[in-house]
Amino acid sequence: MKNLTRIKNSIMFQCLILCILVFSGCVSVGLQKAAPDIKTYSLELNAPHQAAASNAPVSVRVNAFSAVPFFNDRYLAYRSGETTYEQDFYNQLITAPAKLIQDEVAVWLKGSPLVAVVVTPSMVTAADYAVDGRVIELSGDYRSESSPKAVVKIQMTVSGGHAGANTVLSQKIYVAEIPMKQISPVVLTEGWSQGLGQIMTGFEADLGLCLTTQAKKQA
């Protein structure tokens, strides 16, 4: 009788263990299925460099860019109302917008005929001029579903020159609004790339004027 009881208890214990293992497997499979599908995007600029160098190329330090807090998250941001913005957890940039745009600006200036050397924040080399940027807006304007736009707004500041490293020579807010054929993360990030290219074309032209003015003052 005791043996029969032991056998029953053993069977019950084994069944309990089996149920636990099966339940754990179901939970594990469920968690795997529930894992979010997150896609990442980058920005890519094509630099035509229409600015002409009327003076000797200079060295430029590209300082670390900053951003309005809401627009410095990696999540793509959408404007759905006059005062309403949303973030998309499932579609993100590969890094924070300020850092991503800072790197693209440095690459652009490296190819500019106005600039001989680009100094990045990690370098201790001195430079003739410094460029600072602040991302004010980086969003998809979806207030009108029939005419969505990719919006880029950046404040660019140039300082330095013969007046001293902390002297602001130029500060301007650049805005680009690129019409989108449809609402999608791919089209949005392509629009941002195009908009940033337009902004950098304008900034490069303004930088050329600034350098010309400084060269005349030094003459």
Foldseek 3Di string as FASTA:
>chain_A
DVVVVVVVVVVVVVVVVVVVVVVVVVVVVVVVVPPAQAEEDAADADAPQPDDAPDQAWEEEEEQEAEDVVQFFQFAKAAQDPPDIDTDRRYGYPHGPSRRLSVVLQVNQCPHNNHDHYHYNVDPDDTQKYKYKYWYDFHWYCNDQQWIWTKTKMKMWMAHAPVHHPHTQDIDIAIDIGTFPHDDPVSNSHRVNVRSNVRSSVVSNVVSVSVVVSVVVVD
